[in-house]
N, C-alpha and C. Protein backbone atom coordinates (compact mmCIF):
# COMPACT_ATOMS: atom_id res chain seq x y z
N MET A 1 -56.15 25.88 7.36
CA MET A 1 -55.54 24.79 7.47
C MET A 1 -56.05 24.51 8.53
N GLY A 2 -56.73 23.07 9.04
CA GLY A 2 -57.08 22.89 10.06
C GLY A 2 -55.40 22.00 10.88
N SER A 3 -55.61 21.70 12.08
CA SER A 3 -54.26 20.72 12.39
C SER A 3 -54.34 19.44 12.08
N ALA A 4 -55.40 18.66 11.79
CA ALA A 4 -55.26 17.65 11.42
C ALA A 4 -54.74 17.34 9.63
N GLU A 5 -54.96 18.04 9.21
CA GLU A 5 -54.47 18.24 7.82
C GLU A 5 -52.71 18.81 7.71
N LYS A 6 -52.06 19.17 8.77
CA LYS A 6 -51.16 19.45 9.19
C LYS A 6 -50.03 18.20 9.20
N ILE A 7 -50.70 17.18 9.57
CA ILE A 7 -50.33 15.80 9.73
C ILE A 7 -49.96 14.94 8.86
N ILE A 8 -48.61 14.73 8.18
CA ILE A 8 -48.51 14.14 6.74
C ILE A 8 -48.07 12.50 7.25
N PRO A 9 -48.93 11.78 6.72
CA PRO A 9 -48.20 10.28 7.21
C PRO A 9 -46.83 10.08 6.24
N TRP A 10 -46.29 9.00 6.86
CA TRP A 10 -44.77 8.82 6.52
C TRP A 10 -44.72 8.25 4.80
N ALA A 11 -45.71 7.70 4.35
CA ALA A 11 -45.70 7.15 3.38
C ALA A 11 -45.80 8.65 2.33
N GLU A 12 -46.11 9.45 2.84
CA GLU A 12 -46.36 10.70 1.89
C GLU A 12 -45.36 12.01 2.13
N LEU A 13 -44.35 11.52 2.78
CA LEU A 13 -43.67 12.66 3.41
C LEU A 13 -42.33 13.20 1.89
N LYS A 14 -41.77 12.11 1.37
CA LYS A 14 -41.00 12.25 0.19
C LYS A 14 -42.25 13.34 -0.81
N ALA A 15 -43.04 12.70 -0.68
CA ALA A 15 -43.96 13.80 -2.21
C ALA A 15 -44.16 15.20 -1.41
N TRP A 16 -44.35 14.97 -0.25
CA TRP A 16 -44.49 16.59 0.39
C TRP A 16 -43.28 17.55 0.45
N ARG A 17 -42.11 16.88 0.49
CA ARG A 17 -41.27 17.77 0.44
C ARG A 17 -40.96 18.12 -1.00
N GLU A 18 -41.50 17.12 -2.05
CA GLU A 18 -40.88 17.62 -3.03
C GLU A 18 -41.84 18.82 -3.38
N GLY A 19 -42.92 18.85 -3.09
CA GLY A 19 -43.93 20.06 -3.31
C GLY A 19 -43.02 21.30 -2.94
N VAL A 20 -42.82 20.66 -1.72
CA VAL A 20 -42.07 22.23 -0.49
C VAL A 20 -40.61 22.90 -1.74
N ARG A 21 -39.93 21.73 -2.52
CA ARG A 21 -38.97 21.80 -3.24
C ARG A 21 -39.09 22.93 -4.48
N GLU A 22 -40.52 22.25 -4.97
CA GLU A 22 -40.49 22.63 -6.45
C GLU A 22 -41.28 24.26 -6.32
N ARG A 23 -41.78 24.55 -4.94
CA ARG A 23 -42.15 25.87 -4.62
C ARG A 23 -40.91 26.71 -4.48
N GLY A 24 -39.79 26.24 -4.17
CA GLY A 24 -38.80 27.07 -4.01
C GLY A 24 -38.92 27.52 -2.59
N LEU A 25 -39.07 27.04 -1.60
CA LEU A 25 -39.16 27.22 -0.22
C LEU A 25 -38.19 26.20 0.59
N LYS A 26 -37.72 27.02 1.33
CA LYS A 26 -36.77 26.50 2.20
C LYS A 26 -37.15 25.37 3.28
N LEU A 27 -36.94 24.81 4.16
CA LEU A 27 -37.45 23.60 4.83
C LEU A 27 -36.53 23.64 6.53
N ALA A 28 -36.93 23.72 7.22
CA ALA A 28 -36.30 23.60 8.53
C ALA A 28 -37.24 22.53 9.12
N VAL A 29 -36.69 21.43 9.70
CA VAL A 29 -36.81 20.61 10.44
C VAL A 29 -36.36 20.16 12.12
N THR A 30 -37.47 19.75 12.43
CA THR A 30 -36.61 19.11 14.09
C THR A 30 -37.44 18.02 14.76
N ASN A 31 -36.69 17.48 15.59
CA ASN A 31 -37.73 16.49 15.89
C ASN A 31 -37.61 16.20 17.32
N GLY A 32 -38.24 15.37 18.26
CA GLY A 32 -38.34 14.86 19.39
C GLY A 32 -39.52 14.45 19.69
N CYS A 33 -39.73 13.94 21.35
CA CYS A 33 -41.04 13.29 21.91
C CYS A 33 -42.06 14.22 21.93
N PHE A 34 -41.67 15.36 22.39
CA PHE A 34 -42.76 16.28 22.99
C PHE A 34 -44.14 15.76 23.51
N ASP A 35 -43.72 15.05 24.32
CA ASP A 35 -44.53 14.10 25.19
C ASP A 35 -45.75 15.18 25.93
N ILE A 36 -45.39 16.12 26.67
CA ILE A 36 -46.27 16.99 27.66
C ILE A 36 -45.72 18.39 26.78
N LEU A 37 -46.38 19.26 26.10
CA LEU A 37 -45.60 20.10 25.42
C LEU A 37 -45.70 21.13 26.82
N HIS A 38 -44.83 22.08 26.50
CA HIS A 38 -44.63 23.22 27.58
C HIS A 38 -43.93 24.36 27.17
N ALA A 39 -44.04 25.63 27.81
CA ALA A 39 -43.69 26.75 27.05
C ALA A 39 -42.17 26.80 26.45
N GLY A 40 -41.07 26.03 27.05
CA GLY A 40 -40.12 25.49 26.74
C GLY A 40 -39.98 25.21 25.18
N HIS A 41 -41.14 24.10 25.12
CA HIS A 41 -41.38 23.88 23.61
C HIS A 41 -41.61 24.84 22.40
N VAL A 42 -42.71 25.84 22.67
CA VAL A 42 -43.25 26.75 22.19
C VAL A 42 -42.27 27.86 21.60
N VAL A 43 -41.40 28.15 23.00
CA VAL A 43 -40.16 29.14 22.24
C VAL A 43 -39.43 28.42 21.57
N TYR A 44 -38.84 27.08 21.61
CA TYR A 44 -37.97 26.32 20.62
C TYR A 44 -38.56 26.41 19.21
N LEU A 45 -40.14 25.99 19.30
CA LEU A 45 -40.56 25.69 18.06
C LEU A 45 -40.36 27.37 17.13
N GLU A 46 -41.10 28.03 17.80
CA GLU A 46 -41.02 29.31 17.39
C GLU A 46 -39.93 29.98 16.71
N ASN A 47 -38.70 29.88 17.57
CA ASN A 47 -37.26 30.11 16.68
C ASN A 47 -36.88 29.11 16.03
N ALA A 48 -37.22 28.01 15.85
CA ALA A 48 -37.02 27.06 15.03
C ALA A 48 -37.69 27.38 13.62
N ARG A 49 -38.71 27.94 13.76
CA ARG A 49 -39.72 28.16 12.33
C ARG A 49 -39.04 29.89 11.69
N LYS A 50 -38.07 30.48 12.69
CA LYS A 50 -37.51 31.51 11.80
C LYS A 50 -36.42 31.09 10.93
N GLU A 51 -35.89 29.76 10.98
CA GLU A 51 -34.68 29.54 10.43
C GLU A 51 -35.01 29.34 8.53
N ALA A 52 -36.32 29.02 8.22
CA ALA A 52 -37.05 28.85 7.29
C ALA A 52 -38.02 29.00 6.90
N ASP A 53 -38.40 28.94 5.59
CA ASP A 53 -40.04 29.38 5.34
C ASP A 53 -41.02 28.51 5.94
N LEU A 54 -40.44 27.23 5.93
CA LEU A 54 -41.51 26.05 6.67
C LEU A 54 -40.81 25.16 7.53
N LEU A 55 -41.56 24.82 8.47
CA LEU A 55 -41.13 24.16 9.67
C LEU A 55 -41.55 22.90 9.68
N LEU A 56 -41.03 21.67 9.59
CA LEU A 56 -41.58 20.44 9.70
C LEU A 56 -41.34 19.83 11.06
N VAL A 57 -41.94 19.09 11.62
CA VAL A 57 -41.70 18.37 13.13
C VAL A 57 -41.55 17.17 13.12
N GLY A 58 -40.74 16.35 13.12
CA GLY A 58 -40.80 15.14 13.34
C GLY A 58 -41.20 14.14 14.84
N VAL A 59 -42.07 13.40 14.72
CA VAL A 59 -42.54 13.23 16.40
C VAL A 59 -42.08 11.59 16.63
N ASP A 60 -41.65 11.53 17.31
CA ASP A 60 -41.22 10.25 17.64
C ASP A 60 -42.31 9.45 18.01
N SER A 61 -42.26 8.25 17.73
CA SER A 61 -43.49 7.08 17.83
C SER A 61 -43.21 6.88 19.13
N ASP A 62 -44.48 6.31 19.68
CA ASP A 62 -44.89 5.61 20.90
C ASP A 62 -43.56 4.58 21.21
N ALA A 63 -43.23 3.64 20.16
CA ALA A 63 -42.37 2.62 20.64
C ALA A 63 -40.87 3.54 20.90
N SER A 64 -40.44 4.32 19.76
CA SER A 64 -39.14 5.13 19.90
C SER A 64 -39.40 5.67 21.65
N VAL A 65 -40.34 6.46 21.84
CA VAL A 65 -40.06 6.98 22.84
C VAL A 65 -40.12 6.19 24.42
N ARG A 66 -40.80 5.10 24.38
CA ARG A 66 -40.69 4.13 25.42
C ARG A 66 -39.09 3.42 25.48
N ALA A 67 -38.79 3.54 24.43
CA ALA A 67 -37.11 2.65 24.17
C ALA A 67 -36.48 3.78 24.48
N ILE A 68 -36.30 5.01 24.47
CA ILE A 68 -35.58 6.38 24.88
C ILE A 68 -35.88 6.72 26.29
N LYS A 69 -37.08 6.98 26.34
CA LYS A 69 -37.36 7.51 27.61
C LYS A 69 -38.03 6.18 29.28
N GLY A 70 -38.06 5.27 28.69
CA GLY A 70 -38.36 4.37 29.57
C GLY A 70 -39.78 3.83 29.96
N PRO A 71 -40.30 2.80 30.57
CA PRO A 71 -41.41 2.54 30.95
C PRO A 71 -42.32 3.69 31.19
N GLY A 72 -43.73 3.69 31.07
CA GLY A 72 -44.59 4.88 31.66
C GLY A 72 -44.35 5.78 30.56
N ARG A 73 -43.56 5.91 29.65
CA ARG A 73 -43.44 7.22 28.66
C ARG A 73 -43.79 6.53 27.38
N PRO A 74 -44.37 7.39 26.51
CA PRO A 74 -44.81 8.32 26.50
C PRO A 74 -46.22 8.41 26.96
N VAL A 75 -46.50 9.58 27.80
CA VAL A 75 -47.84 10.02 28.44
C VAL A 75 -48.65 10.28 27.26
N ASN A 76 -48.55 10.89 26.50
CA ASN A 76 -49.85 11.00 25.16
C ASN A 76 -49.12 10.21 23.96
N THR A 77 -49.99 9.45 23.37
CA THR A 77 -49.95 8.90 22.56
C THR A 77 -49.29 9.81 21.47
N GLN A 78 -48.86 8.96 20.04
CA GLN A 78 -48.05 9.79 19.06
C GLN A 78 -49.06 10.65 18.41
N GLU A 79 -50.55 9.67 17.90
CA GLU A 79 -51.32 10.97 17.73
C GLU A 79 -51.89 11.84 18.21
N ASN A 80 -51.65 12.04 19.61
CA ASN A 80 -52.12 12.59 20.64
C ASN A 80 -50.78 14.03 20.35
N ARG A 81 -49.42 13.86 20.79
CA ARG A 81 -48.73 14.83 20.71
C ARG A 81 -48.60 15.15 19.27
N ALA A 82 -48.43 14.80 17.96
CA ALA A 82 -48.83 15.56 16.55
C ALA A 82 -50.00 16.16 16.15
N ARG A 83 -50.90 15.98 17.18
CA ARG A 83 -52.00 16.85 17.20
C ARG A 83 -51.63 18.12 17.86
N VAL A 84 -51.22 18.00 18.63
CA VAL A 84 -51.06 19.24 19.44
C VAL A 84 -49.90 19.96 18.94
N LEU A 85 -49.28 19.42 18.20
CA LEU A 85 -48.04 20.18 17.79
C LEU A 85 -48.10 20.92 16.70
N ALA A 86 -49.29 20.10 15.78
CA ALA A 86 -49.84 20.31 14.50
C ALA A 86 -50.53 21.75 14.54
N ALA A 87 -51.36 22.15 16.14
CA ALA A 87 -52.23 23.18 16.31
C ALA A 87 -51.03 24.48 16.22
N LEU A 88 -50.10 24.57 16.77
CA LEU A 88 -49.35 25.60 17.11
C LEU A 88 -48.93 26.24 15.94
N GLU A 89 -49.29 27.37 15.52
CA GLU A 89 -49.15 28.51 14.99
C GLU A 89 -47.49 28.80 14.04
N SER A 90 -46.95 28.04 14.96
CA SER A 90 -44.92 27.68 14.58
C SER A 90 -44.95 26.67 13.66
N VAL A 91 -45.91 25.23 13.79
CA VAL A 91 -45.57 24.13 13.06
C VAL A 91 -46.28 24.54 11.70
N ASP A 92 -45.87 24.14 10.43
CA ASP A 92 -46.53 24.17 9.38
C ASP A 92 -46.86 22.78 9.24
N ALA A 93 -45.90 21.66 9.39
CA ALA A 93 -46.17 20.17 8.99
C ALA A 93 -45.76 19.35 10.31
N VAL A 94 -46.13 18.34 10.29
CA VAL A 94 -45.75 16.89 11.69
C VAL A 94 -46.13 15.84 10.75
N CYS A 95 -44.51 14.96 11.07
CA CYS A 95 -44.68 13.65 10.46
C CYS A 95 -44.22 12.68 12.24
N ILE A 96 -44.84 11.70 11.85
CA ILE A 96 -44.83 10.63 13.03
C ILE A 96 -43.95 9.87 12.37
N PHE A 97 -42.65 9.27 13.25
CA PHE A 97 -41.63 8.42 12.40
C PHE A 97 -40.87 7.37 13.17
N GLU A 98 -40.86 6.18 13.32
CA GLU A 98 -40.18 4.89 13.74
C GLU A 98 -38.39 5.30 13.99
N GLY A 99 -38.08 4.60 14.84
CA GLY A 99 -36.79 4.19 15.03
C GLY A 99 -36.20 5.23 16.19
N ILE A 100 -34.80 4.71 16.52
CA ILE A 100 -34.09 5.40 17.52
C ILE A 100 -33.56 6.33 16.96
N GLY A 101 -33.37 7.61 17.26
CA GLY A 101 -32.55 8.69 16.43
C GLY A 101 -33.19 9.46 14.96
N ALA A 102 -32.80 10.46 14.82
CA ALA A 102 -33.60 10.97 13.49
C ALA A 102 -33.06 10.65 12.24
N MET A 103 -31.65 9.91 12.39
CA MET A 103 -31.20 9.59 11.06
C MET A 103 -32.52 8.83 9.40
N GLY A 104 -33.06 8.33 9.75
CA GLY A 104 -34.08 7.72 9.01
C GLY A 104 -35.05 8.85 8.53
N PHE A 105 -35.41 9.64 9.38
CA PHE A 105 -36.43 11.26 9.29
C PHE A 105 -35.96 12.01 8.29
N LEU A 106 -34.38 12.44 8.75
CA LEU A 106 -33.40 13.45 8.06
C LEU A 106 -33.12 12.90 6.74
N GLN A 107 -33.03 11.53 6.10
CA GLN A 107 -32.50 10.94 5.21
C GLN A 107 -34.03 11.21 4.12
N GLU A 108 -34.96 10.61 4.83
CA GLU A 108 -36.30 10.62 3.94
C GLU A 108 -36.68 12.37 3.28
N VAL A 109 -36.43 13.27 4.59
CA VAL A 109 -37.24 14.54 4.06
C VAL A 109 -35.89 15.51 3.73
N MET A 110 -34.35 15.25 3.76
CA MET A 110 -33.88 15.87 3.02
C MET A 110 -33.79 17.36 3.39
N PRO A 111 -33.88 18.10 4.73
CA PRO A 111 -34.32 19.49 5.06
C PRO A 111 -33.05 20.37 4.42
N ASP A 112 -33.35 21.56 4.13
CA ASP A 112 -31.99 22.98 4.39
C ASP A 112 -31.55 22.83 5.82
N VAL A 113 -32.33 23.04 6.53
CA VAL A 113 -32.08 23.43 7.97
C VAL A 113 -32.34 22.42 9.28
N TYR A 114 -31.56 21.61 9.84
CA TYR A 114 -31.72 20.92 10.79
C TYR A 114 -31.63 22.07 12.09
N VAL A 115 -32.73 21.71 13.05
CA VAL A 115 -32.63 22.51 14.12
C VAL A 115 -33.11 21.51 15.31
N LYS A 116 -32.05 21.71 16.48
CA LYS A 116 -31.85 20.87 17.60
C LYS A 116 -31.91 21.52 18.68
N GLY A 117 -32.50 21.21 19.89
CA GLY A 117 -32.55 21.61 21.19
C GLY A 117 -31.54 22.37 21.63
N GLY A 118 -32.03 23.52 22.33
CA GLY A 118 -30.85 23.99 23.10
C GLY A 118 -30.27 23.26 24.10
N ASP A 119 -30.30 22.27 24.45
CA ASP A 119 -29.28 21.46 25.67
C ASP A 119 -28.61 20.41 24.83
N TYR A 120 -28.28 20.62 23.60
CA TYR A 120 -27.31 20.21 22.49
C TYR A 120 -26.61 20.95 22.02
N THR A 121 -25.31 20.16 21.56
CA THR A 121 -24.26 21.35 21.08
C THR A 121 -23.87 20.30 19.67
N LEU A 122 -22.69 20.50 18.94
CA LEU A 122 -22.66 20.20 18.17
C LEU A 122 -21.81 18.81 18.28
N GLU A 123 -21.01 18.58 19.80
CA GLU A 123 -20.42 17.52 20.40
C GLU A 123 -21.58 16.59 20.82
N THR A 124 -22.94 16.78 21.11
CA THR A 124 -23.34 16.13 21.61
C THR A 124 -24.29 15.52 20.83
N ILE A 125 -24.60 16.16 19.84
CA ILE A 125 -25.86 15.62 18.75
C ILE A 125 -25.00 14.26 18.28
N VAL A 126 -25.89 13.44 18.10
CA VAL A 126 -25.54 11.59 16.97
C VAL A 126 -25.05 12.23 16.20
N GLN A 127 -23.28 12.05 16.55
CA GLN A 127 -22.52 11.97 15.78
C GLN A 127 -22.44 11.68 13.88
N GLU A 128 -23.03 10.47 13.95
CA GLU A 128 -23.61 10.15 12.93
C GLU A 128 -24.65 10.82 11.62
N GLU A 129 -25.77 11.46 12.64
CA GLU A 129 -26.71 12.39 11.88
C GLU A 129 -25.63 13.97 11.65
N ARG A 130 -24.76 14.02 12.45
CA ARG A 130 -23.99 15.55 12.43
C ARG A 130 -23.15 15.20 11.05
N ARG A 131 -22.63 14.01 10.96
CA ARG A 131 -21.45 13.71 9.81
C ARG A 131 -22.61 13.73 8.03
N PHE A 132 -23.83 12.96 8.21
CA PHE A 132 -24.52 12.97 7.12
C PHE A 132 -25.29 14.68 6.99
N MET A 133 -25.33 15.31 7.89
CA MET A 133 -26.03 16.56 7.65
C MET A 133 -24.69 17.65 6.83
N GLU A 134 -23.48 17.67 7.50
CA GLU A 134 -22.63 18.15 7.13
C GLU A 134 -22.19 17.75 5.93
N SER A 135 -22.28 16.52 5.44
CA SER A 135 -21.69 16.14 3.91
C SER A 135 -23.12 16.05 3.01
N ALA A 136 -24.14 16.59 3.52
CA ALA A 136 -25.72 16.85 2.88
C ALA A 136 -25.47 18.40 2.51
N GLY A 137 -25.06 19.17 3.13
CA GLY A 137 -25.13 20.97 2.83
C GLY A 137 -26.09 21.02 3.60
N ILE A 138 -26.57 20.01 4.69
CA ILE A 138 -27.64 20.71 5.45
C ILE A 138 -27.48 21.83 6.63
N ARG A 139 -27.99 22.70 6.94
CA ARG A 139 -27.25 23.71 7.74
C ARG A 139 -28.06 23.17 9.24
N ILE A 140 -27.09 23.16 10.61
CA ILE A 140 -27.47 22.80 11.82
C ILE A 140 -27.70 24.23 12.73
N VAL A 141 -28.55 24.25 13.33
CA VAL A 141 -29.02 25.53 14.06
C VAL A 141 -29.26 24.78 16.02
N LEU A 142 -28.66 25.51 16.59
CA LEU A 142 -28.82 24.74 18.06
C LEU A 142 -28.91 25.74 18.80
N PRO A 143 -30.82 26.46 19.10
CA PRO A 143 -30.99 28.02 19.68
C PRO A 143 -31.10 27.54 20.93
N PRO A 144 -30.54 28.40 21.56
CA PRO A 144 -30.64 28.19 23.26
C PRO A 144 -32.05 27.44 24.07
N GLY A 145 -32.09 27.13 25.02
CA GLY A 145 -32.87 26.50 25.47
C GLY A 145 -33.49 27.29 26.15
N VAL A 146 -34.52 26.91 27.20
CA VAL A 146 -35.61 27.85 28.31
C VAL A 146 -34.68 27.08 29.37
N PRO A 147 -33.93 27.75 30.36
CA PRO A 147 -33.71 27.03 31.33
C PRO A 147 -34.79 26.59 32.43
N GLY A 148 -34.83 25.08 32.85
CA GLY A 148 -35.69 24.52 33.98
C GLY A 148 -37.02 24.47 33.36
N LEU A 149 -37.10 24.28 32.10
CA LEU A 149 -38.44 23.93 31.59
C LEU A 149 -38.65 22.12 30.82
N SER A 150 -38.60 21.49 31.26
CA SER A 150 -38.69 20.20 30.45
C SER A 150 -39.52 19.08 30.54
N THR A 151 -39.86 18.25 29.84
CA THR A 151 -41.02 17.66 30.61
C THR A 151 -40.84 16.78 31.44
N THR A 152 -39.85 16.38 31.38
CA THR A 152 -39.31 15.34 32.66
C THR A 152 -39.11 15.95 34.06
N SER A 153 -38.99 16.96 34.01
CA SER A 153 -38.79 17.89 35.61
C SER A 153 -40.42 18.34 35.70
N THR A 154 -41.09 18.42 34.51
CA THR A 154 -42.56 18.61 34.80
C THR A 154 -43.56 17.24 35.52
N LEU A 155 -43.39 16.15 35.00
CA LEU A 155 -43.57 14.82 35.48
C LEU A 155 -42.74 14.89 36.70
N GLU A 156 -41.73 15.10 37.18
CA GLU A 156 -41.58 15.11 38.69
C GLU A 156 -41.95 15.72 39.91
N LYS A 157 -42.25 17.12 39.15
CA LYS A 157 -43.27 17.95 39.99
C LYS A 157 -44.52 17.48 40.26
N LEU A 158 -44.94 16.60 39.18
CA LEU A 158 -46.52 16.23 39.01
C LEU A 158 -46.29 15.26 40.32
N ALA A 159 -45.34 14.42 40.37
CA ALA A 159 -45.17 13.17 41.10
C ALA A 159 -45.07 13.64 42.64
N GLN A 160 -44.62 14.63 42.52
CA GLN A 160 -44.21 15.06 44.11
C GLN A 160 -45.57 15.96 44.62
N LYS A 161 -46.33 16.34 43.87
CA LYS A 161 -47.82 17.05 44.39
C LYS A 161 -48.56 15.81 44.46
N PHE A 162 -48.62 14.93 43.78
CA PHE A 162 -49.61 13.88 43.99
C PHE A 162 -48.93 12.66 44.36
């Protein structure tokens, strides 16, 4: 399957999820900006993939990234970010979603497992999302991150060099 086929339009996400459920497969999801992919992302996604049969990555829309990260972001468009993620072996599917935070995405897909980056703890993830996942029986996994690797630090290094 090519990377383009791994990108699921929002309107088709519920039906895709039902197909996964009907096949008896466990689904892990994660989400984020993934603006400039780096080794920390790769390790994180590989670890997330180990938590279930399939890994779905929710990609924040361009408008969401601007609201979260500020002007000048994202560097790469949502379509480009989704395509790069879809090309990774550890990623089974990608979906672009709107809105600040993952609540709408989580409610739409109802995963078995939610994986959040190593820079988060149960206390620092969005508590509304945490309560929803706990009440829905969604397992929350917080794998360790790779120290010193982030898109922000990469952009800061580029700014210093140029």
